C-alpha atoms as a PDB file:
ATOM      1  CA  UNK A   1      48.828 -57.770 -18.563  1.00  0.00           C
ATOM      2  CA  UNK A   2      50.868 -55.061 -16.838  1.00  0.00           C
ATOM      3  CA  UNK A   3      49.464 -52.444 -19.233  1.00  0.00           C
ATOM      4  CA  UNK A   4      45.846 -53.569 -18.876  1.00  0.00           C
ATOM      5  CA  UNK A   5      45.759 -53.248 -15.057  1.00  0.00           C
ATOM      6  CA  UNK A   6      46.548 -49.476 -14.901  1.00  0.00           C
ATOM      7  CA  UNK A   7      44.072 -48.774 -17.715  1.00  0.00           C
ATOM      8  CA  UNK A   8      41.372 -50.757 -15.893  1.00  0.00           C
ATOM      9  CA  UNK A   9      42.053 -48.894 -12.624  1.00  0.00           C
ATOM     10  CA  UNK A  10      41.910 -45.493 -14.334  1.00  0.00           C
ATOM     11  CA  UNK A  11      38.689 -46.446 -16.124  1.00  0.00           C
ATOM     12  CA  UNK A  12      37.138 -47.658 -12.855  1.00  0.00           C
ATOM     13  CA  UNK A  13      38.100 -44.401 -11.102  1.00  0.00           C
ATOM     14  CA  UNK A  14      36.640 -42.296 -13.904  1.00  0.00           C
ATOM     15  CA  UNK A  15      33.375 -44.239 -13.820  1.00  0.00           C
ATOM     16  CA  UNK A  16      33.206 -43.902 -10.027  1.00  0.00           C
ATOM     17  CA  UNK A  17      33.896 -40.148 -10.007  1.00  0.00           C
ATOM     18  CA  UNK A  18      31.530 -39.366 -12.900  1.00  0.00           C
ATOM     19  CA  UNK A  19      28.680 -41.289 -11.267  1.00  0.00           C
ATOM     20  CA  UNK A  20      28.701 -39.096  -8.160  1.00  0.00           C
ATOM     21  CA  UNK A  21      26.033 -36.414  -7.914  1.00  0.00           C
ATOM     22  CA  UNK A  22      26.709 -33.000  -6.510  1.00  0.00           C
ATOM     23  CA  UNK A  23      25.332 -32.507  -3.031  1.00  0.00           C
ATOM     24  CA  UNK A  24      23.311 -29.393  -3.843  1.00  0.00           C
ATOM     25  CA  UNK A  25      21.619 -27.536  -1.036  1.00  0.00           C
ATOM     26  CA  UNK A  26      19.002 -24.941  -1.841  1.00  0.00           C
ATOM     27  CA  UNK A  27      19.776 -21.674  -0.075  1.00  0.00           C
ATOM     28  CA  UNK A  28      18.982 -19.298  -2.907  1.00  0.00           C
ATOM     29  CA  UNK A  29      15.243 -19.072  -2.879  1.00  0.00           C
ATOM     30  CA  UNK A  30      11.725 -20.240  -2.456  1.00  0.00           C
ATOM     31  CA  UNK A  31       8.412 -19.102  -3.882  1.00  0.00           C
ATOM     32  CA  UNK A  32       7.722 -15.792  -2.119  1.00  0.00           C
ATOM     33  CA  UNK A  33       4.711 -15.077   0.072  1.00  0.00           C
ATOM     34  CA  UNK A  34       2.361 -12.132  -0.377  1.00  0.00           C
ATOM     35  CA  UNK A  35       3.220  -9.804   2.509  1.00  0.00           C
ATOM     36  CA  UNK A  36       0.232  -7.880   3.846  1.00  0.00           C
ATOM     37  CA  UNK A  37       0.654  -5.016   6.305  1.00  0.00           C
ATOM     38  CA  UNK A  38      -2.167  -3.725   8.492  1.00  0.00           C
ATOM     39  CA  UNK A  39      -2.427   0.027   9.021  1.00  0.00           C
ATOM     40  CA  UNK A  40      -4.568   2.502  10.907  1.00  0.00           C
ATOM     41  CA  UNK A  41      -7.157   4.200   8.682  1.00  0.00           C
ATOM     42  CA  UNK A  42      -6.892   7.382  10.799  1.00  0.00           C
ATOM     43  CA  UNK A  43      -3.061   7.579  10.681  1.00  0.00           C
ATOM     44  CA  UNK A  44      -2.061   5.831   7.447  1.00  0.00           C
ATOM     45  CA  UNK A  45       1.628   5.700   8.403  1.00  0.00           C
ATOM     46  CA  UNK A  46       1.022   3.809  11.668  1.00  0.00           C
ATOM     47  CA  UNK A  47       0.685   0.051  11.764  1.00  0.00           C
ATOM     48  CA  UNK A  48      -2.344  -1.376  13.548  1.00  0.00           C
ATOM     49  CA  UNK A  49      -2.745  -4.883  14.898  1.00  0.00           C
ATOM     50  CA  UNK A  50      -5.755  -6.985  13.952  1.00  0.00           C
ATOM     51  CA  UNK A  51      -7.415  -8.729  16.920  1.00  0.00           C
ATOM     52  CA  UNK A  52      -7.759 -12.522  16.731  1.00  0.00           C
ATOM     53  CA  UNK A  53      -6.892 -12.728  13.009  1.00  0.00           C
ATOM     54  CA  UNK A  54      -7.653 -15.815  10.961  1.00  0.00           C
ATOM     55  CA  UNK A  55      -7.174 -16.084   7.221  1.00  0.00           C
ATOM     56  CA  UNK A  56      -8.724 -18.919   5.241  1.00  0.00           C
ATOM     57  CA  UNK A  57      -8.040 -19.807   1.637  1.00  0.00           C
ATOM     58  CA  UNK A  58     -11.598 -19.976   0.286  1.00  0.00           C
ATOM     59  CA  UNK A  59     -11.289 -22.636  -2.456  1.00  0.00           C
ATOM     60  CA  UNK A  60      -9.377 -25.102  -0.264  1.00  0.00           C
ATOM     61  CA  UNK A  61     -11.372 -24.081   2.849  1.00  0.00           C
ATOM     62  CA  UNK A  62      -8.201 -24.169   4.951  1.00  0.00           C
ATOM     63  CA  UNK A  63      -6.660 -21.727   7.385  1.00  0.00           C
ATOM     64  CA  UNK A  64      -3.394 -20.221   6.220  1.00  0.00           C
ATOM     65  CA  UNK A  65      -0.573 -21.812   8.219  1.00  0.00           C
ATOM     66  CA  UNK A  66       2.223 -19.282   7.692  1.00  0.00           C
ATOM     67  CA  UNK A  67       1.431 -17.500  10.967  1.00  0.00           C
ATOM     68  CA  UNK A  68      -0.190 -18.392  14.296  1.00  0.00           C
ATOM     69  CA  UNK A  69      -3.942 -18.742  13.826  1.00  0.00           C
ATOM     70  CA  UNK A  70      -6.104 -16.191  15.673  1.00  0.00           C
ATOM     71  CA  UNK A  71      -3.108 -14.099  16.654  1.00  0.00           C
ATOM     72  CA  UNK A  72      -3.603 -10.783  18.430  1.00  0.00           C
ATOM     73  CA  UNK A  73      -0.277  -9.075  17.897  1.00  0.00           C
ATOM     74  CA  UNK A  74       0.261  -9.079  14.139  1.00  0.00           C
ATOM     75  CA  UNK A  75       0.693  -5.952  12.074  1.00  0.00           C
ATOM     76  CA  UNK A  76       1.932  -7.831   8.989  1.00  0.00           C
ATOM     77  CA  UNK A  77       1.726 -11.375   7.656  1.00  0.00           C
ATOM     78  CA  UNK A  78       2.953 -13.473   4.749  1.00  0.00           C
ATOM     79  CA  UNK A  79       0.403 -15.615   2.933  1.00  0.00           C
ATOM     80  CA  UNK A  80       0.907 -18.066   0.063  1.00  0.00           C
ATOM     81  CA  UNK A  81      -0.710 -17.501  -3.309  1.00  0.00           C
ATOM     82  CA  UNK A  82      -1.783 -20.387  -5.499  1.00  0.00           C
ATOM     83  CA  UNK A  83       0.731 -21.169  -8.217  1.00  0.00           C
ATOM     84  CA  UNK A  84      -1.763 -23.240 -10.198  1.00  0.00           C
ATOM     85  CA  UNK A  85      -4.277 -20.413 -10.694  1.00  0.00           C
ATOM     86  CA  UNK A  86      -4.475 -16.753 -11.709  1.00  0.00           C
ATOM     87  CA  UNK A  87      -6.159 -15.679  -8.481  1.00  0.00           C
ATOM     88  CA  UNK A  88      -6.484 -16.702  -4.853  1.00  0.00           C
ATOM     89  CA  UNK A  89      -9.440 -15.858  -2.661  1.00  0.00           C
ATOM     90  CA  UNK A  90      -8.993 -15.319   1.072  1.00  0.00           C
ATOM     91  CA  UNK A  91     -11.439 -14.783   3.925  1.00  0.00           C
ATOM     92  CA  UNK A  92      -9.850 -12.270   6.322  1.00  0.00           C
ATOM     93  CA  UNK A  93     -11.557 -12.764   9.686  1.00  0.00           C
ATOM     94  CA  UNK A  94     -11.093 -10.368  12.599  1.00  0.00           C
ATOM     95  CA  UNK A  95     -12.272 -11.238  16.108  1.00  0.00           C
ATOM     96  CA  UNK A  96     -12.327 -14.850  14.940  1.00  0.00           C
ATOM     97  CA  UNK A  97     -13.826 -17.443  17.270  1.00  0.00           C
ATOM     98  CA  UNK A  98     -15.885 -20.612  17.163  1.00  0.00           C
ATOM     99  CA  UNK A  99     -19.536 -20.362  18.152  1.00  0.00           C
ATOM    100  CA  UNK A 100     -19.959 -22.364  21.377  1.00  0.00           C
ATOM    101  CA  UNK A 101     -23.165 -24.037  20.233  1.00  0.00           C
ATOM    102  CA  UNK A 102     -22.739 -24.562  16.485  1.00  0.00           C
ATOM    103  CA  UNK A 103     -18.938 -24.552  16.219  1.00  0.00           C
ATOM    104  CA  UNK A 104     -19.183 -22.249  13.190  1.00  0.00           C
ATOM    105  CA  UNK A 105     -16.838 -19.343  12.557  1.00  0.00           C
ATOM    106  CA  UNK A 106     -17.902 -16.012  14.029  1.00  0.00           C
ATOM    107  CA  UNK A 107     -16.272 -12.609  13.619  1.00  0.00           C
ATOM    108  CA  UNK A 108     -16.109  -9.981  10.914  1.00  0.00           C
ATOM    109  CA  UNK A 109     -15.330 -11.653   7.583  1.00  0.00           C
ATOM    110  CA  UNK A 110     -14.118  -9.832   4.466  1.00  0.00           C
ATOM    111  CA  UNK A 111     -13.345 -11.874   1.354  1.00  0.00           C
ATOM    112  CA  UNK A 112     -10.495 -10.579  -0.795  1.00  0.00           C
ATOM    113  CA  UNK A 113      -9.544 -11.809  -4.242  1.00  0.00           C
ATOM    114  CA  UNK A 114      -5.886 -11.457  -5.211  1.00  0.00           C
ATOM    115  CA  UNK A 115      -5.354 -11.670  -8.984  1.00  0.00           C
ATOM    116  CA  UNK A 116      -1.971 -12.021 -10.693  1.00  0.00           C
ATOM    117  CA  UNK A 117       0.047 -13.674 -13.413  1.00  0.00           C
ATOM    118  CA  UNK A 118       2.665 -16.264 -12.565  1.00  0.00           C
ATOM    119  CA  UNK A 119       6.225 -16.378 -13.807  1.00  0.00           C
ATOM    120  CA  UNK A 120       8.257 -19.529 -13.164  1.00  0.00           C
ATOM    121  CA  UNK A 121      11.973 -18.893 -12.767  1.00  0.00           C
ATOM    122  CA  UNK A 122      14.668 -21.569 -12.656  1.00  0.00           C
ATOM    123  CA  UNK A 123      16.909 -20.974  -9.642  1.00  0.00           C
ATOM    124  CA  UNK A 124      19.256 -23.994  -9.581  1.00  0.00           C
ATOM    125  CA  UNK A 125      19.282 -27.773  -9.674  1.00  0.00           C
ATOM    126  CA  UNK A 126      18.845 -27.931  -5.917  1.00  0.00           C
ATOM    127  CA  UNK A 127      16.061 -25.350  -5.728  1.00  0.00           C
ATOM    128  CA  UNK A 128      14.366 -26.050  -9.028  1.00  0.00           C
ATOM    129  CA  UNK A 129      11.768 -23.497 -10.093  1.00  0.00           C
ATOM    130  CA  UNK A 130      10.195 -20.756  -7.999  1.00  0.00           C
ATOM    131  CA  UNK A 131       7.046 -18.882  -8.905  1.00  0.00           C
ATOM    132  CA  UNK A 132       7.085 -15.102  -8.896  1.00  0.00           C
ATOM    133  CA  UNK A 133       3.835 -13.173  -9.156  1.00  0.00           C
ATOM    134  CA  UNK A 134       3.369 -10.156 -11.394  1.00  0.00           C
ATOM    135  CA  UNK A 135       0.726  -7.474 -11.758  1.00  0.00           C
ATOM    136  CA  UNK A 136      -1.133  -8.234  -8.540  1.00  0.00           C
ATOM    137  CA  UNK A 137      -4.474  -6.618  -7.852  1.00  0.00           C
ATOM    138  CA  UNK A 138      -6.744  -7.007  -4.849  1.00  0.00           C
ATOM    139  CA  UNK A 139     -10.516  -6.660  -4.883  1.00  0.00           C
ATOM    140  CA  UNK A 140     -12.964  -6.500  -1.993  1.00  0.00           C
ATOM    141  CA  UNK A 141     -16.722  -6.356  -2.607  1.00  0.00           C
ATOM    142  CA  UNK A 142     -18.097  -3.126  -1.157  1.00  0.00           C
ATOM    143  CA  UNK A 143     -20.262  -3.433   1.920  1.00  0.00           C
ATOM    144  CA  UNK A 144     -21.136  -1.206   4.856  1.00  0.00           C
ATOM    145  CA  UNK A 145     -20.132  -4.114   7.115  1.00  0.00           C
ATOM    146  CA  UNK A 146     -16.529  -4.429   5.867  1.00  0.00           C
ATOM    147  CA  UNK A 147     -13.914  -4.137   8.598  1.00  0.00           C
ATOM    148  CA  UNK A 148     -11.318  -3.500   5.879  1.00  0.00           C
ATOM    149  CA  UNK A 149     -11.806   0.115   4.839  1.00  0.00           C
ATOM    150  CA  UNK A 150      -9.109   0.548   2.179  1.00  0.00           C
ATOM    151  CA  UNK A 151      -6.507  -1.481   0.281  1.00  0.00           C
ATOM    152  CA  UNK A 152      -3.377  -0.176  -1.443  1.00  0.00           C
ATOM    153  CA  UNK A 153      -0.920  -2.097  -3.590  1.00  0.00           C
ATOM    154  CA  UNK A 154       2.647  -1.136  -2.662  1.00  0.00           C
ATOM    155  CA  UNK A 155       4.487  -3.540  -4.996  1.00  0.00           C
ATOM    156  CA  UNK A 156       2.753  -5.120  -7.973  1.00  0.00           C
ATOM    157  CA  UNK A 157       5.417  -7.773  -8.471  1.00  0.00           C
ATOM    158  CA  UNK A 158       6.218 -10.340  -5.790  1.00  0.00           C
ATOM    159  CA  UNK A 159       9.779 -11.609  -6.090  1.00  0.00           C
ATOM    160  CA  UNK A 160      10.642 -11.924  -2.383  1.00  0.00           C
ATOM    161  CA  UNK A 161       8.991 -11.819   1.028  1.00  0.00           C
ATOM    162  CA  UNK A 162      11.138  -9.009   2.440  1.00  0.00           C
ATOM    163  CA  UNK A 163       8.758  -6.057   2.029  1.00  0.00           C
ATOM    164  CA  UNK A 164       5.056  -5.294   2.336  1.00  0.00           C
ATOM    165  CA  UNK A 165       3.274  -5.776  -0.998  1.00  0.00           C
ATOM    166  CA  UNK A 166      -0.259  -4.826   0.075  1.00  0.00           C
ATOM    167  CA  UNK A 167      -1.430  -2.405   2.780  1.00  0.00           C
ATOM    168  CA  UNK A 168      -4.789  -2.988   4.411  1.00  0.00           C
ATOM    169  CA  UNK A 169      -6.321  -0.106   6.354  1.00  0.00           C
ATOM    170  CA  UNK A 170      -8.850  -0.720   9.118  1.00  0.00           C
END
């Protein structure tokens, strides 16, 4: 009996310790946002704010919530791309407001399509997978009424949200 008690205690301790899960906290990463910078078409090195900017994801018909809607003092923003598709379409609206009578959106609206391929990367047990975007391209249908006058891709691969990926000139 004296030999069984220590063996039972050791077995119970091993079962208890092995059943504990690590308390993982994700600090390593998240799916990055597409960072768009706004620049002056006359002086392409100078940033230029967009008045009363609203961006809507077209398919979901929802305003992007990663920045304050209808902001006046933004020269760059981060917007989420869809991880379940190969493109995301956005309505970039400057001078955005609601019509007082109809409640409909007014302002200058340009619709951009961002195309890409996705690459899922395992970060850790706590973070799981993040989606990185590769080979991005941006298209804007040509129109004399476009407020966006030029678009340049700065980084074709999106692996973090630290730098501008796309420059929009207006």
